[in-house]
C-alpha atoms as a PDB file:
ATOM      1  CA  MET A   1      46.830 109.732 145.227  1.00  0.00           C
ATOM      2  CA  CYS A   2      43.672 111.205 143.740  1.00  0.00           C
ATOM      3  CA  ASN A   3      42.624 108.090 141.720  1.00  0.00           C
ATOM      4  CA  LYS A   4      42.277 110.183 138.561  1.00  0.00           C
ATOM      5  CA  THR A   5      42.613 108.203 135.329  1.00  0.00           C
ATOM      6  CA  LEU A   6      45.984 109.033 133.834  1.00  0.00           C
ATOM      7  CA  THR A   7      45.818 109.896 130.141  1.00  0.00           C
ATOM      8  CA  ASP A   8      48.812 112.186 129.636  1.00  0.00           C
ATOM      9  CA  ALA A   9      52.046 110.391 128.705  1.00  0.00           C
ATOM     10  CA  GLY A  10      54.028 112.414 131.244  1.00  0.00           C
ATOM     11  CA  GLU A  11      51.588 111.609 134.024  1.00  0.00           C
ATOM     12  CA  MET A  12      51.637 107.926 133.116  1.00  0.00           C
ATOM     13  CA  LYS A  13      55.446 107.959 133.228  1.00  0.00           C
ATOM     14  CA  LEU A  14      55.354 109.518 136.718  1.00  0.00           C
ATOM     15  CA  MET A  15      52.459 107.222 137.714  1.00  0.00           C
ATOM     16  CA  ARG A  16      50.614 110.203 139.202  1.00  0.00           C
ATOM     17  CA  CYS A  17      48.784 113.276 137.934  1.00  0.00           C
ATOM     18  CA  GLU A  18      50.532 116.630 137.913  1.00  0.00           C
ATOM     19  CA  GLU A  19      48.346 117.882 140.793  1.00  0.00           C
ATOM     20  CA  CYS A  20      49.270 115.027 143.129  1.00  0.00           C
ATOM     21  CA  PRO A  21      52.096 115.715 145.567  1.00  0.00           C
ATOM     22  CA  SER A  22      55.568 114.656 144.544  1.00  0.00           C
ATOM     23  CA  GLU A  23      58.163 113.008 146.749  1.00  0.00           C
ATOM     24  CA  LEU A  24      60.950 114.066 144.418  1.00  0.00           C
ATOM     25  CA  ASP A  25      64.457 113.949 145.863  1.00  0.00           C
ATOM     26  CA  GLU A  26      65.672 117.271 144.430  1.00  0.00           C
ATOM     27  CA  ALA A  27      69.356 116.601 145.089  1.00  0.00           C
ATOM     28  CA  LEU A  28      69.161 113.205 143.404  1.00  0.00           C
ATOM     29  CA  TYR A  29      67.295 114.715 140.453  1.00  0.00           C
ATOM     30  CA  GLU A  30      70.076 117.266 139.947  1.00  0.00           C
ATOM     31  CA  ARG A  31      72.776 114.570 140.199  1.00  0.00           C
ATOM     32  CA  LEU A  32      70.893 112.480 137.643  1.00  0.00           C
ATOM     33  CA  ARG A  33      70.593 115.473 135.282  1.00  0.00           C
ATOM     34  CA  ASP A  34      74.336 116.205 135.563  1.00  0.00           C
ATOM     35  CA  TRP A  35      75.170 112.531 134.975  1.00  0.00           C
ATOM     36  CA  ARG A  36      72.801 112.411 131.988  1.00  0.00           C
ATOM     37  CA  ALA A  37      74.508 115.448 130.434  1.00  0.00           C
ATOM     38  CA  GLU A  38      77.882 113.677 130.721  1.00  0.00           C
ATOM     39  CA  GLN A  39      76.489 110.490 129.176  1.00  0.00           C
ATOM     40  CA  ALA A  40      74.885 112.411 126.323  1.00  0.00           C
ATOM     41  CA  ALA A  41      78.121 114.269 125.600  1.00  0.00           C
ATOM     42  CA  ARG A  42      80.104 111.017 125.606  1.00  0.00           C
ATOM     43  CA  SER A  43      77.727 109.350 123.169  1.00  0.00           C
ATOM     44  CA  ARG A  44      77.214 112.534 121.128  1.00  0.00           C
ATOM     45  CA  GLN A  45      73.431 112.429 121.393  1.00  0.00           C
ATOM     46  CA  PRO A  46      70.769 114.669 122.923  1.00  0.00           C
ATOM     47  CA  ALA A  47      70.239 114.272 126.670  1.00  0.00           C
ATOM     48  CA  TYR A  48      66.661 113.061 126.208  1.00  0.00           C
ATOM     49  CA  CYS A  49      68.017 110.024 124.333  1.00  0.00           C
ATOM     50  CA  VAL A  50      69.714 108.893 127.552  1.00  0.00           C
ATOM     51  CA  PHE A  51      66.608 109.467 129.715  1.00  0.00           C
ATOM     52  CA  THR A  52      63.825 112.046 129.464  1.00  0.00           C
ATOM     53  CA  ASP A  53      63.240 114.594 132.216  1.00  0.00           C
ATOM     54  CA  LYS A  54      60.068 112.707 133.226  1.00  0.00           C
ATOM     55  CA  THR A  55      62.004 109.445 133.549  1.00  0.00           C
ATOM     56  CA  LEU A  56      64.635 111.161 135.709  1.00  0.00           C
ATOM     57  CA  MET A  57      61.819 112.624 137.832  1.00  0.00           C
ATOM     58  CA  ALA A  58      60.275 109.164 138.232  1.00  0.00           C
ATOM     59  CA  ILE A  59      63.653 107.752 139.260  1.00  0.00           C
ATOM     60  CA  ALA A  60      64.196 110.589 141.764  1.00  0.00           C
ATOM     61  CA  GLU A  61      60.733 109.935 143.216  1.00  0.00           C
ATOM     62  CA  ALA A  62      61.091 106.147 143.450  1.00  0.00           C
ATOM     63  CA  VAL A  63      64.803 106.074 144.435  1.00  0.00           C
ATOM     64  CA  PRO A  64      65.191 102.446 143.343  1.00  0.00           C
ATOM     65  CA  ALA A  65      67.692 100.266 145.201  1.00  0.00           C
ATOM     66  CA  THR A  66      67.715  97.288 142.831  1.00  0.00           C
ATOM     67  CA  ALA A  67      67.745  96.665 139.094  1.00  0.00           C
ATOM     68  CA  ALA A  68      64.259  95.152 139.404  1.00  0.00           C
ATOM     69  CA  GLU A  69      62.934  98.337 141.020  1.00  0.00           C
ATOM     70  CA  LEU A  70      64.603 100.472 138.348  1.00  0.00           C
ATOM     71  CA  ALA A  71      63.255  98.277 135.538  1.00  0.00           C
ATOM     72  CA  VAL A  72      59.602  98.956 136.426  1.00  0.00           C
ATOM     73  CA  ILE A  73      60.022 102.708 135.898  1.00  0.00           C
ATOM     74  CA  SER A  74      58.571 103.847 132.591  1.00  0.00           C
ATOM     75  CA  GLY A  75      61.349 104.820 130.219  1.00  0.00           C
ATOM     76  CA  VAL A  76      63.826 102.292 131.603  1.00  0.00           C
ATOM     77  CA  GLY A  77      63.813  99.377 129.193  1.00  0.00           C
ATOM     78  CA  ARG A  78      66.215  96.444 129.040  1.00  0.00           C
ATOM     79  CA  ARG A  79      68.729  98.301 126.850  1.00  0.00           C
ATOM     80  CA  LYS A  80      68.900 101.359 129.107  1.00  0.00           C
ATOM     81  CA  LEU A  81      68.940  99.181 132.198  1.00  0.00           C
ATOM     82  CA  ASP A  82      71.919  97.264 130.830  1.00  0.00           C
ATOM     83  CA  ARG A  83      73.725 100.392 129.697  1.00  0.00           C
ATOM     84  CA  TYR A  84      72.999 102.841 132.517  1.00  0.00           C
ATOM     85  CA  GLY A  85      71.500 100.832 135.377  1.00  0.00           C
ATOM     86  CA  ALA A  86      74.616 100.447 137.521  1.00  0.00           C
ATOM     87  CA  ASP A  87      75.365 104.179 137.350  1.00  0.00           C
ATOM     88  CA  VAL A  88      71.768 105.176 138.121  1.00  0.00           C
ATOM     89  CA  LEU A  89      71.550 102.788 141.068  1.00  0.00           C
ATOM     90  CA  ALA A  90      74.876 104.068 142.410  1.00  0.00           C
ATOM     91  CA  LEU A  91      73.601 107.653 142.183  1.00  0.00           C
ATOM     92  CA  CYS A  92      70.359 106.631 143.919  1.00  0.00           C
ATOM     93  CA  ALA A  93      72.447 105.084 146.706  1.00  0.00           C
ATOM     94  CA  GLY A  94      74.307 108.381 147.122  1.00  0.00           C
ATOM     95  CA  GLU A  95      77.578 107.049 145.738  1.00  0.00           C
ATOM     96  CA  GLU A  96      80.017 109.107 143.721  1.00  0.00           C
ATOM     97  CA  LEU A  97      80.820 107.574 140.372  1.00  0.00           C
ATOM     98  CA  ALA A  98      84.492 106.738 139.922  1.00  0.00           C
ATOM     99  CA  GLY A  99      86.057 108.501 136.967  1.00  0.00           C
ATOM    100  CA  ALA A 100      83.000 110.626 136.231  1.00  0.00           C
ATOM    101  CA  GLY A 101      83.921 112.988 133.447  1.00  0.00           C
ATOM    102  CA  GLU A 102      87.400 111.500 133.075  1.00  0.00           C
ATOM    103  CA  GLU A 103      87.018 108.281 131.120  1.00  0.00           C
ATOM    104  CA  GLY A 104      85.586 107.921 127.636  1.00  0.00           C
ATOM    105  CA  ALA A 105      85.985 104.171 127.265  1.00  0.00           C
ATOM    106  CA  GLU A 106      82.306 103.554 127.949  1.00  0.00           C
ATOM    107  CA  GLU A 107      81.178 105.338 124.793  1.00  0.00           C
ATOM    108  CA  ALA A 108      80.777 102.090 122.900  1.00  0.00           C
ATOM    109  CA  GLY A 109      77.906 100.916 125.092  1.00  0.00           C
ATOM    110  CA  GLY A 110      79.155  99.780 128.485  1.00  0.00           C
ATOM    111  CA  ASN A 111      78.363 101.546 131.701  1.00  0.00           C
ATOM    112  CA  SER A 112      80.944 103.332 133.762  1.00  0.00           C
ATOM    113  CA  SER A 113      80.523 101.229 136.888  1.00  0.00           C
ATOM    114  CA  GLU A 114      83.496  99.047 137.705  1.00  0.00           C
ATOM    115  CA  LYS A 115      81.571  96.688 139.991  1.00  0.00           C
END
């Protein structure tokens, strides 16, 4: 990267400046955005309360394979990791989520992964 000091919150979340090249997985980013919309609708909250666009971009750039890798991404705290981590990791692995859009039982705080 360019070694510029990051001062903008969005740049710090992405861990790069806006001018630096991105390795964003566009298909993953779109899947994450669709999943986030479903989660937001289920919990009756704005999509940014699930994850912000910048956090989804950071996830789609890092493509984490483990909970530990996901946890170091800015915007993914313990609560969101516990609630959404299994789904996000499954999406990053290219898996289809079982029952996506069909079940509402997870509204109370669990994630929709049955693993």
